[in-house]
């Protein structure tokens, strides 16, 4: 198992692509000085094909500005340089609290 570690967050998880996406998202959040917390990281399976699994990373953020614009910016950065085939295995969800 690999460890996802960013600032004070330490999460045990196996998926290296999820680790990269989480790391890049948290880097951008830190750079933008946006408070955040990890809501959940889990593996889910497709409703139609139980053999196809993907990682869901849910992060709660606190922004007062345009949430949609900031969310799009963070997600775009997190997935940049990720092979599109690998990117489909990870779902990054940002929620404004």
PDB file of N, CA and C in Angstrom:
ATOM      1  N   UNK A   1       0.827  -1.183   0.000  1.00  0.00           N
ATOM      2  CA  UNK A   1       0.000   0.000   0.000  1.00  0.00           C
ATOM      3  C   UNK A   1       0.872   1.246   0.000  1.00  0.00           C
ATOM      4  N   UNK A   2       0.414   2.261  -0.669  1.00  0.00           N
ATOM      5  CA  UNK A   2       1.117   3.520  -0.709  1.00  0.00           C
ATOM      6  C   UNK A   2       0.410   4.506   0.216  1.00  0.00           C
ATOM      7  N   UNK A   3       1.112   5.522   0.641  1.00  0.00           N
ATOM      8  CA  UNK A   3       0.539   6.513   1.542  1.00  0.00           C
ATOM      9  C   UNK A   3       0.314   7.813   0.796  1.00  0.00           C
ATOM     10  N   UNK A   4      -0.888   8.356   0.899  1.00  0.00           N
ATOM     11  CA  UNK A   4      -1.164   9.701   0.417  1.00  0.00           C
ATOM     12  C   UNK A   4      -0.848  10.622   1.583  1.00  0.00           C
ATOM     13  N   UNK A   5       0.089  11.521   1.394  1.00  0.00           N
ATOM     14  CA  UNK A   5       0.449  12.412   2.487  1.00  0.00           C
ATOM     15  C   UNK A   5       0.597  13.826   1.939  1.00  0.00           C
ATOM     16  N   UNK A   6      -0.165  14.727   2.490  1.00  0.00           N
ATOM     17  CA  UNK A   6      -0.070  16.125   2.104  1.00  0.00           C
ATOM     18  C   UNK A   6      -0.372  16.953   3.334  1.00  0.00           C
ATOM     19  N   UNK A   7       0.554  17.800   3.704  1.00  0.00           N
ATOM     20  CA  UNK A   7       0.424  18.597   4.923  1.00  0.00           C
ATOM     21  C   UNK A   7       0.134  17.657   6.097  1.00  0.00           C
ATOM     22  N   UNK A   8      -0.956  17.839   6.795  1.00  0.00           N
ATOM     23  CA  UNK A   8      -1.235  16.987   7.952  1.00  0.00           C
ATOM     24  C   UNK A   8      -2.042  15.748   7.598  1.00  0.00           C
ATOM     25  N   UNK A   9      -2.380  15.568   6.313  1.00  0.00           N
ATOM     26  CA  UNK A   9      -3.212  14.438   5.914  1.00  0.00           C
ATOM     27  C   UNK A   9      -2.355  13.233   5.552  1.00  0.00           C
ATOM     28  N   UNK A  10      -2.632  12.115   6.162  1.00  0.00           N
ATOM     29  CA  UNK A  10      -1.965  10.866   5.827  1.00  0.00           C
ATOM     30  C   UNK A  10      -3.061   9.838   5.585  1.00  0.00           C
ATOM     31  N   UNK A  11      -3.118   9.325   4.376  1.00  0.00           N
ATOM     32  CA  UNK A  11      -4.164   8.378   4.012  1.00  0.00           C
ATOM     33  C   UNK A  11      -3.502   7.187   3.328  1.00  0.00           C
ATOM     34  N   UNK A  12      -3.833   6.004   3.753  1.00  0.00           N
ATOM     35  CA  UNK A  12      -3.296   4.807   3.132  1.00  0.00           C
ATOM     36  C   UNK A  12      -4.170   4.484   1.926  1.00  0.00           C
ATOM     37  N   UNK A  13      -3.545   4.390   0.756  1.00  0.00           N
ATOM     38  CA  UNK A  13      -4.298   4.051  -0.441  1.00  0.00           C
ATOM     39  C   UNK A  13      -3.374   3.473  -1.483  1.00  0.00           C
ATOM     40  N   UNK A  14      -3.870   2.567  -2.300  1.00  0.00           N
ATOM     41  CA  UNK A  14      -3.043   1.834  -3.250  1.00  0.00           C
ATOM     42  C   UNK A  14      -2.881   2.503  -4.610  1.00  0.00           C
ATOM     43  N   UNK A  15      -3.833   3.260  -5.062  1.00  0.00           N
ATOM     44  CA  UNK A  15      -3.868   3.757  -6.428  1.00  0.00           C
ATOM     45  C   UNK A  15      -2.912   4.934  -6.634  1.00  0.00           C
ATOM     46  N   UNK A  16      -1.857   4.734  -7.428  1.00  0.00           N
ATOM     47  CA  UNK A  16      -0.856   5.773  -7.659  1.00  0.00           C
ATOM     48  C   UNK A  16      -1.451   6.959  -8.416  1.00  0.00           C
ATOM     49  N   UNK A  17      -2.381   6.726  -9.332  1.00  0.00           N
ATOM     50  CA  UNK A  17      -3.011   7.825 -10.070  1.00  0.00           C
ATOM     51  C   UNK A  17      -3.836   8.685  -9.106  1.00  0.00           C
ATOM     52  N   UNK A  18      -4.554   8.049  -8.199  1.00  0.00           N
ATOM     53  CA  UNK A  18      -5.315   8.789  -7.187  1.00  0.00           C
ATOM     54  C   UNK A  18      -4.366   9.609  -6.316  1.00  0.00           C
ATOM     55  N   UNK A  19      -3.229   9.039  -5.999  1.00  0.00           N
ATOM     56  CA  UNK A  19      -2.239   9.737  -5.190  1.00  0.00           C
ATOM     57  C   UNK A  19      -1.749  10.992  -5.909  1.00  0.00           C
ATOM     58  N   UNK A  20      -1.481  10.890  -7.187  1.00  0.00           N
ATOM     59  CA  UNK A  20      -1.006  12.037  -7.967  1.00  0.00           C
ATOM     60  C   UNK A  20      -2.081  13.115  -8.045  1.00  0.00           C
ATOM     61  N   UNK A  21      -3.306  12.715  -8.361  1.00  0.00           N
ATOM     62  CA  UNK A  21      -4.402  13.679  -8.491  1.00  0.00           C
ATOM     63  C   UNK A  21      -4.673  14.362  -7.155  1.00  0.00           C
ATOM     64  N   UNK A  22      -4.707  13.607  -6.080  1.00  0.00           N
ATOM     65  CA  UNK A  22      -4.899  14.191  -4.753  1.00  0.00           C
ATOM     66  C   UNK A  22      -3.770  15.166  -4.420  1.00  0.00           C
ATOM     67  N   UNK A  23      -2.555  14.763  -4.695  1.00  0.00           N
ATOM     68  CA  UNK A  23      -1.395  15.596  -4.392  1.00  0.00           C
ATOM     69  C   UNK A  23      -1.446  16.920  -5.152  1.00  0.00           C
ATOM     70  N   UNK A  24      -1.759  16.847  -6.445  1.00  0.00           N
ATOM     71  CA  UNK A  24      -1.824  18.069  -7.245  1.00  0.00           C
ATOM     72  C   UNK A  24      -2.983  18.965  -6.803  1.00  0.00           C
ATOM     73  N   UNK A  25      -4.128  18.379  -6.464  1.00  0.00           N
ATOM     74  CA  UNK A  25      -5.266  19.171  -5.991  1.00  0.00           C
ATOM     75  C   UNK A  25      -4.910  19.872  -4.683  1.00  0.00           C
ATOM     76  N   UNK A  26      -4.294  19.152  -3.763  1.00  0.00           N
ATOM     77  CA  UNK A  26      -3.951  19.761  -2.481  1.00  0.00           C
ATOM     78  C   UNK A  26      -2.854  20.812  -2.636  1.00  0.00           C
ATOM     79  N   UNK A  27      -1.940  20.617  -3.594  1.00  0.00           N
ATOM     80  CA  UNK A  27      -0.929  21.646  -3.871  1.00  0.00           C
ATOM     81  C   UNK A  27      -1.591  22.940  -4.329  1.00  0.00           C
ATOM     82  N   UNK A  28      -2.549  22.822  -5.247  1.00  0.00           N
ATOM     83  CA  UNK A  28      -3.236  24.000  -5.766  1.00  0.00           C
ATOM     84  C   UNK A  28      -4.064  24.672  -4.669  1.00  0.00           C
ATOM     85  N   UNK A  29      -4.736  23.880  -3.861  1.00  0.00           N
ATOM     86  CA  UNK A  29      -5.519  24.446  -2.756  1.00  0.00           C
ATOM     87  C   UNK A  29      -4.619  25.200  -1.783  1.00  0.00           C
ATOM     88  N   UNK A  30      -3.470  24.642  -1.485  1.00  0.00           N
ATOM     89  CA  UNK A  30      -2.518  25.299  -0.594  1.00  0.00           C
ATOM     90  C   UNK A  30      -1.983  26.578  -1.226  1.00  0.00           C
ATOM     91  N   UNK A  31      -1.646  26.504  -2.507  1.00  0.00           N
ATOM     92  CA  UNK A  31      -1.142  27.683  -3.230  1.00  0.00           C
ATOM     93  C   UNK A  31      -2.175  28.814  -3.221  1.00  0.00           C
ATOM     94  N   UNK A  32      -3.445  28.475  -3.391  1.00  0.00           N
ATOM     95  CA  UNK A  32      -4.505  29.477  -3.406  1.00  0.00           C
ATOM     96  C   UNK A  32      -4.983  29.861  -2.008  1.00  0.00           C
ATOM     97  N   UNK A  33      -4.379  29.260  -0.982  1.00  0.00           N
ATOM     98  CA  UNK A  33      -4.718  29.518   0.426  1.00  0.00           C
ATOM     99  C   UNK A  33      -6.193  29.237   0.702  1.00  0.00           C
ATOM    100  N   UNK A  34      -6.695  28.121   0.149  1.00  0.00           N
ATOM    101  CA  UNK A  34      -8.084  27.721   0.351  1.00  0.00           C
ATOM    102  C   UNK A  34      -8.117  26.630   1.418  1.00  0.00           C
ATOM    103  N   UNK A  35      -8.836  26.868   2.515  1.00  0.00           N
ATOM    104  CA  UNK A  35      -8.957  25.828   3.537  1.00  0.00           C
ATOM    105  C   UNK A  35      -9.685  24.609   2.964  1.00  0.00           C
ATOM    106  N   UNK A  36      -9.183  23.427   3.305  1.00  0.00           N
ATOM    107  CA  UNK A  36      -9.815  22.211   2.811  1.00  0.00           C
ATOM    108  C   UNK A  36      -9.647  21.072   3.792  1.00  0.00           C
ATOM    109  N   UNK A  37     -10.525  20.091   3.638  1.00  0.00           N
ATOM    110  CA  UNK A  37     -10.416  18.854   4.410  1.00  0.00           C
ATOM    111  C   UNK A  37     -10.876  17.704   3.524  1.00  0.00           C
ATOM    112  N   UNK A  38     -10.348  16.553   3.814  1.00  0.00           N
ATOM    113  CA  UNK A  38     -10.724  15.366   3.052  1.00  0.00           C
ATOM    114  C   UNK A  38     -12.008  14.826   3.638  1.00  0.00           C
ATOM    115  N   UNK A  39     -13.009  14.706   2.797  1.00  0.00           N
ATOM    116  CA  UNK A  39     -14.286  14.158   3.237  1.00  0.00           C
ATOM    117  C   UNK A  39     -14.249  12.636   3.151  1.00  0.00           C
ATOM    118  N   UNK A  40     -13.701  12.110   2.042  1.00  0.00           N
ATOM    119  CA  UNK A  40     -13.694  10.661   1.850  1.00  0.00           C
ATOM    120  C   UNK A  40     -12.790  10.284   0.685  1.00  0.00           C
ATOM    121  N   UNK A  41     -12.148   9.166   0.803  1.00  0.00           N
ATOM    122  CA  UNK A  41     -11.430   8.541  -0.311  1.00  0.00           C
ATOM    123  C   UNK A  41     -11.822   7.078  -0.273  1.00  0.00           C
ATOM    124  N   UNK A  42     -12.436   6.623  -1.365  1.00  0.00           N
ATOM    125  CA  UNK A  42     -12.883   5.235  -1.378  1.00  0.00           C
ATOM    126  C   UNK A  42     -12.883   4.691  -2.796  1.00  0.00           C
ATOM    127  N   UNK A  43     -12.959   3.394  -2.872  1.00  0.00           N
ATOM    128  CA  UNK A  43     -13.065   2.719  -4.170  1.00  0.00           C
ATOM    129  C   UNK A  43     -14.526   2.359  -4.399  1.00  0.00           C
ATOM    130  N   UNK A  44     -14.997   2.636  -5.599  1.00  0.00           N
ATOM    131  CA  UNK A  44     -16.364   2.277  -5.962  1.00  0.00           C
ATOM    132  C   UNK A  44     -16.325   1.437  -7.227  1.00  0.00           C
ATOM    133  N   UNK A  45     -17.411   0.727  -7.475  1.00  0.00           N
ATOM    134  CA  UNK A  45     -17.504  -0.061  -8.706  1.00  0.00           C
ATOM    135  C   UNK A  45     -18.623   0.489  -9.567  1.00  0.00           C
ATOM    136  N   UNK A  46     -18.490   0.283 -10.847  1.00  0.00           N
ATOM    137  CA  UNK A  46     -19.480   0.751 -11.803  1.00  0.00           C
ATOM    138  C   UNK A  46     -20.794  -0.001 -11.591  1.00  0.00           C
ATOM    139  N   UNK A  47     -21.907   0.711 -11.717  1.00  0.00           N
ATOM    140  CA  UNK A  47     -23.224   0.104 -11.506  1.00  0.00           C
ATOM    141  C   UNK A  47     -23.525  -0.981 -12.544  1.00  0.00           C
ATOM    142  N   UNK A  48     -23.002  -0.820 -13.743  1.00  0.00           N
ATOM    143  CA  UNK A  48     -23.290  -1.785 -14.805  1.00  0.00           C
ATOM    144  C   UNK A  48     -22.221  -2.870 -14.948  1.00  0.00           C
ATOM    145  N   UNK A  49     -20.998  -2.593 -14.485  1.00  0.00           N
ATOM    146  CA  UNK A  49     -19.901  -3.548 -14.611  1.00  0.00           C
ATOM    147  C   UNK A  49     -19.140  -3.582 -13.296  1.00  0.00           C
ATOM    148  N   UNK A  50     -19.476  -4.542 -12.440  1.00  0.00           N
ATOM    149  CA  UNK A  50     -18.890  -4.631 -11.105  1.00  0.00           C
ATOM    150  C   UNK A  50     -17.378  -4.836 -11.129  1.00  0.00           C
ATOM    151  N   UNK A  51     -16.830  -5.322 -12.252  1.00  0.00           N
ATOM    152  CA  UNK A  51     -15.388  -5.554 -12.323  1.00  0.00           C
ATOM    153  C   UNK A  51     -14.615  -4.253 -12.570  1.00  0.00           C
ATOM    154  N   UNK A  52     -15.316  -3.193 -13.009  1.00  0.00           N
ATOM    155  CA  UNK A  52     -14.644  -1.918 -13.261  1.00  0.00           C
ATOM    156  C   UNK A  52     -14.736  -1.048 -12.019  1.00  0.00           C
ATOM    157  N   UNK A  53     -13.601  -0.752 -11.425  1.00  0.00           N
ATOM    158  CA  UNK A  53     -13.552   0.014 -10.190  1.00  0.00           C
ATOM    159  C   UNK A  53     -12.814   1.329 -10.411  1.00  0.00           C
ATOM    160  N   UNK A  54     -13.175   2.311  -9.601  1.00  0.00           N
ATOM    161  CA  UNK A  54     -12.529   3.619  -9.675  1.00  0.00           C
ATOM    162  C   UNK A  54     -12.465   4.227  -8.284  1.00  0.00           C
ATOM    163  N   UNK A  55     -11.593   5.200  -8.128  1.00  0.00           N
ATOM    164  CA  UNK A  55     -11.396   5.862  -6.847  1.00  0.00           C
ATOM    165  C   UNK A  55     -12.167   7.169  -6.827  1.00  0.00           C
ATOM    166  N   UNK A  56     -12.854   7.430  -5.732  1.00  0.00           N
ATOM    167  CA  UNK A  56     -13.565   8.689  -5.535  1.00  0.00           C
ATOM    168  C   UNK A  56     -12.858   9.440  -4.406  1.00  0.00           C
ATOM    169  N   UNK A  57     -12.427  10.665  -4.715  1.00  0.00           N
ATOM    170  CA  UNK A  57     -11.780  11.521  -3.722  1.00  0.00           C
ATOM    171  C   UNK A  57     -12.698  12.721  -3.503  1.00  0.00           C
ATOM    172  N   UNK A  58     -13.227  12.857  -2.294  1.00  0.00           N
ATOM    173  CA  UNK A  58     -14.113  13.983  -1.976  1.00  0.00           C
ATOM    174  C   UNK A  58     -13.377  14.925  -1.031  1.00  0.00           C
ATOM    175  N   UNK A  59     -13.281  16.179  -1.465  1.00  0.00           N
ATOM    176  CA  UNK A  59     -12.594  17.198  -0.679  1.00  0.00           C
ATOM    177  C   UNK A  59     -13.557  18.354  -0.425  1.00  0.00           C
ATOM    178  N   UNK A  60     -13.640  18.761   0.829  1.00  0.00           N
ATOM    179  CA  UNK A  60     -14.457  19.921   1.182  1.00  0.00           C
ATOM    180  C   UNK A  60     -13.552  21.147   1.192  1.00  0.00           C
ATOM    181  N   UNK A  61     -14.015  22.203   0.531  1.00  0.00           N
ATOM    182  CA  UNK A  61     -13.250  23.437   0.492  1.00  0.00           C
ATOM    183  C   UNK A  61     -14.136  24.590   0.966  1.00  0.00           C
ATOM    184  N   UNK A  62     -13.487  25.671   1.342  1.00  0.00           N
ATOM    185  CA  UNK A  62     -14.241  26.837   1.807  1.00  0.00           C
ATOM    186  C   UNK A  62     -13.792  28.042   0.986  1.00  0.00           C
ATOM    187  N   UNK A  63     -14.653  28.447   0.048  1.00  0.00           N
ATOM    188  CA  UNK A  63     -14.361  29.622  -0.773  1.00  0.00           C
ATOM    189  C   UNK A  63     -15.550  30.569  -0.751  1.00  0.00           C
ATOM    190  N   UNK A  64     -15.236  31.851  -0.819  1.00  0.00           N
ATOM    191  CA  UNK A  64     -16.284  32.866  -0.851  1.00  0.00           C
ATOM    192  C   UNK A  64     -16.470  33.400  -2.263  1.00  0.00           C
ATOM    193  N   UNK A  65     -15.473  33.143  -3.121  1.00  0.00           N
ATOM    194  CA  UNK A  65     -15.521  33.638  -4.492  1.00  0.00           C
ATOM    195  C   UNK A  65     -16.329  32.679  -5.364  1.00  0.00           C
ATOM    196  N   UNK A  66     -16.105  32.745  -6.640  1.00  0.00           N
ATOM    197  CA  UNK A  66     -16.802  31.920  -7.621  1.00  0.00           C
ATOM    198  C   UNK A  66     -16.360  30.453  -7.491  1.00  0.00           C
ATOM    199  N   UNK A  67     -17.153  29.650  -6.781  1.00  0.00           N
ATOM    200  CA  UNK A  67     -16.804  28.255  -6.533  1.00  0.00           C
ATOM    201  C   UNK A  67     -16.593  27.474  -7.825  1.00  0.00           C
ATOM    202  N   UNK A  68     -17.474  27.655  -8.806  1.00  0.00           N
ATOM    203  CA  UNK A  68     -17.365  26.890 -10.055  1.00  0.00           C
ATOM    204  C   UNK A  68     -16.051  27.169 -10.778  1.00  0.00           C
ATOM    205  N   UNK A  69     -15.647  28.418 -10.847  1.00  0.00           N
ATOM    206  CA  UNK A  69     -14.399  28.769 -11.517  1.00  0.00           C
ATOM    207  C   UNK A  69     -13.203  28.175 -10.782  1.00  0.00           C
ATOM    208  N   UNK A  70     -13.186  28.331  -9.468  1.00  0.00           N
ATOM    209  CA  UNK A  70     -12.076  27.811  -8.671  1.00  0.00           C
ATOM    210  C   UNK A  70     -12.044  26.288  -8.727  1.00  0.00           C
ATOM    211  N   UNK A  71     -13.189  25.669  -8.633  1.00  0.00           N
ATOM    212  CA  UNK A  71     -13.278  24.210  -8.711  1.00  0.00           C
ATOM    213  C   UNK A  71     -12.738  23.710 -10.055  1.00  0.00           C
ATOM    214  N   UNK A  72     -13.153  24.354 -11.135  1.00  0.00           N
ATOM    215  CA  UNK A  72     -12.674  23.968 -12.468  1.00  0.00           C
ATOM    216  C   UNK A  72     -11.156  24.121 -12.572  1.00  0.00           C
ATOM    217  N   UNK A  73     -10.626  25.187 -12.008  1.00  0.00           N
ATOM    218  CA  UNK A  73      -9.183  25.432 -12.042  1.00  0.00           C
ATOM    219  C   UNK A  73      -8.416  24.337 -11.290  1.00  0.00           C
ATOM    220  N   UNK A  74      -8.910  23.986 -10.124  1.00  0.00           N
ATOM    221  CA  UNK A  74      -8.247  22.965  -9.306  1.00  0.00           C
ATOM    222  C   UNK A  74      -8.325  21.600  -9.983  1.00  0.00           C
ATOM    223  N   UNK A  75      -9.495  21.245 -10.485  1.00  0.00           N
ATOM    224  CA  UNK A  75      -9.666  19.949 -11.135  1.00  0.00           C
ATOM    225  C   UNK A  75      -8.830  19.862 -12.405  1.00  0.00           C
ATOM    226  N   UNK A  76      -8.800  20.926 -13.188  1.00  0.00           N
ATOM    227  CA  UNK A  76      -7.980  20.936 -14.410  1.00  0.00           C
ATOM    228  C   UNK A  76      -6.513  20.717 -14.067  1.00  0.00           C
ATOM    229  N   UNK A  77      -6.032  21.403 -13.045  1.00  0.00           N
ATOM    230  CA  UNK A  77      -4.631  21.243 -12.644  1.00  0.00           C
ATOM    231  C   UNK A  77      -4.373  19.826 -12.119  1.00  0.00           C
ATOM    232  N   UNK A  78      -5.292  19.309 -11.317  1.00  0.00           N
ATOM    233  CA  UNK A  78      -5.101  17.978 -10.718  1.00  0.00           C
ATOM    234  C   UNK A  78      -4.999  16.884 -11.782  1.00  0.00           C
ATOM    235  N   UNK A  79      -5.749  17.033 -12.866  1.00  0.00           N
ATOM    236  CA  UNK A  79      -5.750  16.017 -13.919  1.00  0.00           C
ATOM    237  C   UNK A  79      -4.746  16.303 -15.038  1.00  0.00           C
ATOM    238  N   UNK A  80      -4.083  17.451 -14.980  1.00  0.00           N
ATOM    239  CA  UNK A  80      -3.121  17.766 -16.040  1.00  0.00           C
ATOM    240  C   UNK A  80      -1.986  16.734 -16.017  1.00  0.00           C
ATOM    241  N   UNK A  81      -1.543  16.385 -17.179  1.00  0.00           N
ATOM    242  CA  UNK A  81      -0.453  15.410 -17.366  1.00  0.00           C
ATOM    243  C   UNK A  81      -0.820  13.983 -16.955  1.00  0.00           C
ATOM    244  N   UNK A  82      -2.095  13.697 -16.749  1.00  0.00           N
ATOM    245  CA  UNK A  82      -2.540  12.337 -16.447  1.00  0.00           C
ATOM    246  C   UNK A  82      -3.079  11.726 -17.735  1.00  0.00           C
ATOM    247  N   UNK A  83      -2.668  10.519 -18.024  1.00  0.00           N
ATOM    248  CA  UNK A  83      -3.169   9.808 -19.195  1.00  0.00           C
ATOM    249  C   UNK A  83      -4.698   9.728 -19.103  1.00  0.00           C
ATOM    250  N   UNK A  84      -5.414  10.120 -20.169  1.00  0.00           N
ATOM    251  CA  UNK A  84      -6.890  10.106 -20.108  1.00  0.00           C
ATOM    252  C   UNK A  84      -7.484   8.754 -19.696  1.00  0.00           C
ATOM    253  N   UNK A  85      -6.855   7.677 -20.114  1.00  0.00           N
ATOM    254  CA  UNK A  85      -7.341   6.341 -19.733  1.00  0.00           C
ATOM    255  C   UNK A  85      -7.212   6.143 -18.224  1.00  0.00           C
ATOM    256  N   UNK A  86      -6.112   6.618 -17.660  1.00  0.00           N
ATOM    257  CA  UNK A  86      -5.922   6.516 -16.203  1.00  0.00           C
ATOM    258  C   UNK A  86      -6.829   7.483 -15.462  1.00  0.00           C
ATOM    259  N   UNK A  87      -7.057   8.651 -16.050  1.00  0.00           N
ATOM    260  CA  UNK A  87      -7.880   9.676 -15.406  1.00  0.00           C
ATOM    261  C   UNK A  87      -9.309   9.192 -15.172  1.00  0.00           C
ATOM    262  N   UNK A  88      -9.804   8.314 -16.027  1.00  0.00           N
ATOM    263  CA  UNK A  88     -11.169   7.808 -15.855  1.00  0.00           C
ATOM    264  C   UNK A  88     -11.293   6.916 -14.627  1.00  0.00           C
ATOM    265  N   UNK A  89     -10.165   6.508 -14.053  1.00  0.00           N
ATOM    266  CA  UNK A  89     -10.190   5.653 -12.867  1.00  0.00           C
ATOM    267  C   UNK A  89     -10.279   6.449 -11.573  1.00  0.00           C
ATOM    268  N   UNK A  90     -10.261   7.795 -11.671  1.00  0.00           N
ATOM    269  CA  UNK A  90     -10.283   8.630 -10.471  1.00  0.00           C
ATOM    270  C   UNK A  90     -11.298   9.755 -10.655  1.00  0.00           C
ATOM    271  N   UNK A  91     -12.188   9.902  -9.689  1.00  0.00           N
ATOM    272  CA  UNK A  91     -13.168  10.975  -9.682  1.00  0.00           C
ATOM    273  C   UNK A  91     -12.855  11.907  -8.517  1.00  0.00           C
ATOM    274  N   UNK A  92     -12.487  13.146  -8.844  1.00  0.00           N
ATOM    275  CA  UNK A  92     -12.213  14.157  -7.829  1.00  0.00           C
ATOM    276  C   UNK A  92     -13.444  15.025  -7.678  1.00  0.00           C
ATOM    277  N   UNK A  93     -13.982  15.085  -6.458  1.00  0.00           N
ATOM    278  CA  UNK A  93     -15.188  15.856  -6.178  1.00  0.00           C
ATOM    279  C   UNK A  93     -14.855  16.932  -5.154  1.00  0.00           C
ATOM    280  N   UNK A  94     -15.121  18.186  -5.515  1.00  0.00           N
ATOM    281  CA  UNK A  94     -14.918  19.295  -4.592  1.00  0.00           C
ATOM    282  C   UNK A  94     -16.283  19.808  -4.152  1.00  0.00           C
ATOM    283  N   UNK A  95     -16.420  20.021  -2.865  1.00  0.00           N
ATOM    284  CA  UNK A  95     -17.683  20.508  -2.314  1.00  0.00           C
ATOM    285  C   UNK A  95     -17.411  21.763  -1.485  1.00  0.00           C
ATOM    286  N   UNK A  96     -18.164  22.814  -1.748  1.00  0.00           N
ATOM    287  CA  UNK A  96     -18.019  24.045  -1.006  1.00  0.00           C
ATOM    288  C   UNK A  96     -18.830  23.967   0.295  1.00  0.00           C
ATOM    289  N   UNK A  97     -18.173  24.278   1.398  1.00  0.00           N
ATOM    290  CA  UNK A  97     -18.867  24.215   2.693  1.00  0.00           C
ATOM    291  C   UNK A  97     -19.012  25.593   3.305  1.00  0.00           C
TER     292      UNK A  97
END
